[in-house]
Amino acid sequence: DGGVQWMTAGRGVVHSEMPAQTSGLMSGFQLWLNLPAAEKMRAPWYADIPASAIVAVAVGDGVTAKLIAGAWSGARGPGPERVTQPFIADVAVGPGATAEVPVPDGHNAFAFIIDGTVEAGGRVLRRGELAVLSDAGPLALAAGTEAARLLVVAAKPLREPIAKYGPFVMNTEAELRQAFADYQRGAL
């Protein structure tokens, strides 16, 4: 309940997760952050980050952020530092509350509304909606008359080509074919 599994596939990893359910229900997000070409073949890495290790910080009157990666109001999330400088926060905004999310200048970002209604980036967003922001900078949030919760994710763009097929992500079609062949012959 509230933990994070942070995996870097690198040169390859085969995995299967079986998250715990509560009363037959479960909710979660699977996010993929790209690696730069120079790091695509790094050793795989995995960390289980329990909910107790995730920093919850009051970032304004009626606003709390659970920091998974990046920094806000002097606190830093437990997610690893990467060249893309990821910022991931689960933000709870009380009724009528406002906040400014410190998305670094030049980062691309998105905000997914988990519950409630939020004005973000000059648009009103409702539960289940997503705002995609390029070259974002700080993101102003304002909740409506009810509480809201959203996931804000940002990272520095790599500006490299992307080739993908199924769970494989590389930079070129040739690298993709090689990765697939390596997987098929068990050479991860």
Protein backbone atom coordinates (compact mmCIF):
# COMPACT_ATOMS: atom_id res chain seq x y z
CA ASP A 1 0.00 0.00 0.00
CA GLY A 2 1.86 3.02 -1.28
CA GLY A 3 5.25 1.47 -2.00
CA VAL A 4 7.30 1.70 -5.18
CA GLN A 5 9.23 -0.86 -7.20
CA TRP A 6 12.01 0.93 -9.11
CA MET A 7 13.61 -1.17 -11.80
CA THR A 8 16.25 -0.28 -14.36
CA ALA A 9 16.13 -2.91 -17.10
CA GLY A 10 19.50 -1.97 -18.59
CA ARG A 11 20.85 -4.83 -20.71
CA GLY A 12 17.85 -6.93 -19.74
CA VAL A 13 15.77 -8.25 -16.92
CA VAL A 14 12.88 -10.72 -16.79
CA HIS A 15 10.43 -9.88 -14.05
CA SER A 16 6.97 -10.59 -12.69
CA GLU A 17 5.20 -8.67 -9.96
CA MET A 18 2.38 -9.85 -7.76
CA PRO A 19 1.26 -6.76 -5.83
CA ALA A 20 -0.93 -7.30 -2.79
CA GLN A 21 -4.63 -6.58 -3.08
CA THR A 22 -6.97 -5.14 -0.49
CA SER A 23 -10.51 -6.56 -0.61
CA GLY A 24 -9.85 -7.72 -4.17
CA LEU A 25 -8.88 -4.21 -5.29
CA MET A 26 -5.58 -2.73 -6.33
CA SER A 27 -4.47 0.47 -7.99
CA GLY A 28 -1.08 1.43 -9.29
CA PHE A 29 0.94 3.05 -12.04
CA GLN A 30 3.64 1.59 -14.25
CA LEU A 31 5.93 4.31 -15.56
CA TRP A 32 8.76 3.86 -18.05
CA LEU A 33 11.66 6.33 -17.98
CA ASN A 34 14.00 6.12 -20.94
CA LEU A 35 17.75 5.68 -20.49
CA PRO A 36 20.27 7.57 -22.62
CA ALA A 37 21.91 5.50 -25.38
CA ALA A 38 25.17 5.31 -23.40
CA GLU A 39 23.34 3.62 -20.47
CA LYS A 40 21.02 1.25 -22.35
CA MET A 41 23.33 -1.74 -21.75
CA ARG A 42 24.09 -1.03 -18.08
CA ALA A 43 23.61 -3.75 -15.47
CA PRO A 44 19.99 -4.26 -14.39
CA TRP A 45 19.04 -2.72 -11.05
CA TYR A 46 16.05 -3.06 -8.72
CA ALA A 47 14.93 -1.42 -5.48
CA ASP A 48 11.82 -2.06 -3.42
CA ILE A 49 10.89 1.25 -1.79
CA PRO A 50 8.35 0.68 1.01
CA ALA A 51 5.68 3.29 1.70
CA SER A 52 7.45 4.13 4.98
CA ALA A 53 10.51 5.34 3.00
CA ILE A 54 8.51 7.75 0.82
CA VAL A 55 8.78 11.30 2.09
CA ALA A 56 5.46 13.09 2.75
CA VAL A 57 5.96 16.83 2.95
CA ALA A 58 3.51 19.68 3.56
CA VAL A 59 4.16 22.01 0.64
CA GLY A 60 1.48 24.59 1.31
CA ASP A 61 -1.73 25.21 3.20
CA GLY A 62 -3.79 22.09 2.50
CA VAL A 63 -1.26 20.53 0.12
CA THR A 64 0.84 17.43 0.82
CA ALA A 65 3.25 15.73 -1.57
CA LYS A 66 4.57 12.19 -1.29
CA LEU A 67 7.94 12.51 -3.04
CA ILE A 68 9.01 9.42 -4.92
CA ALA A 69 11.85 11.08 -6.86
CA GLY A 70 13.23 14.60 -7.00
CA ALA A 71 13.04 17.40 -4.45
CA TRP A 72 10.39 19.78 -3.10
CA SER A 73 10.48 22.16 -0.13
CA GLY A 74 13.86 20.92 1.06
CA ALA A 75 12.85 17.24 1.02
CA ARG A 76 14.09 14.60 -1.41
CA GLY A 77 12.32 11.43 -2.53
CA PRO A 78 14.02 8.01 -2.26
CA GLY A 79 14.03 7.36 -6.03
CA PRO A 80 17.49 7.12 -7.58
CA GLU A 81 19.15 10.07 -9.26
CA ARG A 82 19.44 9.61 -13.00
CA VAL A 83 20.76 11.70 -15.89
CA THR A 84 17.13 12.57 -16.77
CA GLN A 85 16.62 14.07 -13.28
CA PRO A 86 13.21 12.43 -12.67
CA PHE A 87 10.64 14.14 -10.48
CA ILE A 88 7.69 12.03 -9.30
CA ALA A 89 5.18 13.21 -6.70
CA ASP A 90 1.79 11.98 -5.48
CA VAL A 91 0.13 15.30 -4.61
CA ALA A 92 -2.95 15.74 -2.38
CA VAL A 93 -4.61 19.15 -2.70
CA GLY A 94 -7.31 20.17 -0.20
CA PRO A 95 -10.51 21.96 -1.26
CA GLY A 96 -9.67 25.39 -2.67
CA ALA A 97 -5.93 24.93 -1.99
CA THR A 98 -3.20 26.01 -4.38
CA ALA A 99 0.40 24.94 -4.90
CA GLU A 100 3.29 25.33 -7.28
CA VAL A 101 4.96 22.05 -8.23
CA PRO A 102 8.70 22.62 -8.76
CA VAL A 103 9.00 21.02 -12.18
CA PRO A 104 12.48 22.02 -13.36
CA ASP A 105 12.73 24.31 -16.38
CA GLY A 106 13.28 22.33 -19.56
CA HIS A 107 11.69 19.13 -18.25
CA ASN A 108 8.76 17.46 -19.95
CA ALA A 109 5.98 16.54 -17.54
CA PHE A 110 2.53 15.13 -17.13
CA ALA A 111 -0.10 15.40 -14.44
CA PHE A 112 -2.63 12.57 -14.05
CA ILE A 113 -5.71 13.31 -11.96
CA ILE A 114 -6.38 10.40 -9.60
CA ASP A 115 -9.35 12.01 -7.78
CA GLY A 116 -11.20 15.31 -7.81
CA THR A 117 -10.78 18.30 -10.09
CA VAL A 118 -7.66 20.43 -10.47
CA GLU A 119 -6.75 23.46 -12.51
CA ALA A 120 -3.25 22.81 -13.83
CA GLY A 121 -1.36 24.56 -16.59
CA GLY A 122 -4.37 26.80 -17.25
CA ARG A 123 -6.75 23.86 -17.83
CA VAL A 124 -9.40 22.26 -15.64
CA LEU A 125 -8.67 18.55 -15.31
CA ARG A 126 -11.01 15.92 -13.89
CA ARG A 127 -10.49 12.43 -12.52
CA GLY A 128 -8.85 10.19 -15.10
CA GLU A 129 -7.57 13.05 -17.26
CA LEU A 130 -3.95 13.73 -18.13
CA ALA A 131 -2.17 16.97 -18.97
CA VAL A 132 1.07 16.67 -20.96
CA LEU A 133 3.48 19.58 -20.60
CA SER A 134 6.56 20.20 -22.74
CA ASP A 135 9.42 22.34 -21.43
CA ALA A 136 7.24 22.71 -18.36
CA GLY A 137 8.88 24.72 -15.58
CA PRO A 138 6.95 25.20 -12.32
CA LEU A 139 3.35 23.94 -12.50
CA ALA A 140 0.62 25.95 -10.74
CA LEU A 141 -2.20 23.84 -9.24
CA ALA A 142 -5.55 24.87 -7.79
CA ALA A 143 -8.16 22.45 -6.45
CA GLY A 144 -11.85 23.02 -6.91
CA THR A 145 -14.41 22.86 -4.10
CA GLU A 146 -13.43 19.29 -3.25
CA ALA A 147 -10.09 17.66 -2.45
CA ALA A 148 -8.02 16.35 -5.33
CA ARG A 149 -5.13 13.98 -5.82
CA LEU A 150 -2.77 13.79 -8.75
CA LEU A 151 0.44 12.19 -9.89
CA VAL A 152 3.02 14.59 -11.33
CA VAL A 153 5.89 13.09 -13.31
CA ALA A 154 8.66 15.06 -14.99
CA ALA A 155 12.07 14.35 -16.50
CA LYS A 156 14.68 16.02 -18.63
CA PRO A 157 14.14 15.00 -22.27
CA LEU A 158 16.98 13.02 -23.86
CA ARG A 159 16.31 14.20 -27.41
CA GLU A 160 17.48 10.86 -28.80
CA PRO A 161 15.66 8.58 -31.25
CA ILE A 162 13.50 5.85 -29.74
CA ALA A 163 12.79 2.43 -31.25
CA LYS A 164 10.41 0.16 -29.35
CA TYR A 165 8.75 -3.21 -29.70
CA GLY A 166 6.81 -4.81 -26.86
CA PRO A 167 8.92 -4.45 -23.70
CA PHE A 168 12.08 -3.57 -25.66
CA VAL A 169 13.18 0.07 -25.95
CA MET A 170 16.37 1.02 -27.77
CA ASN A 171 17.54 3.89 -29.98
CA THR A 172 17.60 2.23 -33.42
CA GLU A 173 15.80 -0.58 -35.22
CA ALA A 174 19.12 -2.48 -35.46
CA GLU A 175 19.63 -2.25 -31.67
CA LEU A 176 16.06 -3.40 -31.18
CA ARG A 177 16.58 -6.47 -33.41
CA GLN A 178 19.80 -7.28 -31.52
CA ALA A 179 18.07 -6.97 -28.13
CA PHE A 180 15.25 -9.24 -29.28
CA ALA A 181 17.74 -11.81 -30.63
CA ASP A 182 19.74 -11.66 -27.36
CA TYR A 183 16.55 -12.28 -25.38
CA GLN A 184 15.51 -15.23 -27.56
CA ARG A 185 18.87 -16.96 -27.12
CA GLY A 186 18.96 -16.27 -23.36
CA ALA A 187 21.87 -13.83 -23.49
CA LEU A 188 20.38 -11.13 -21.25
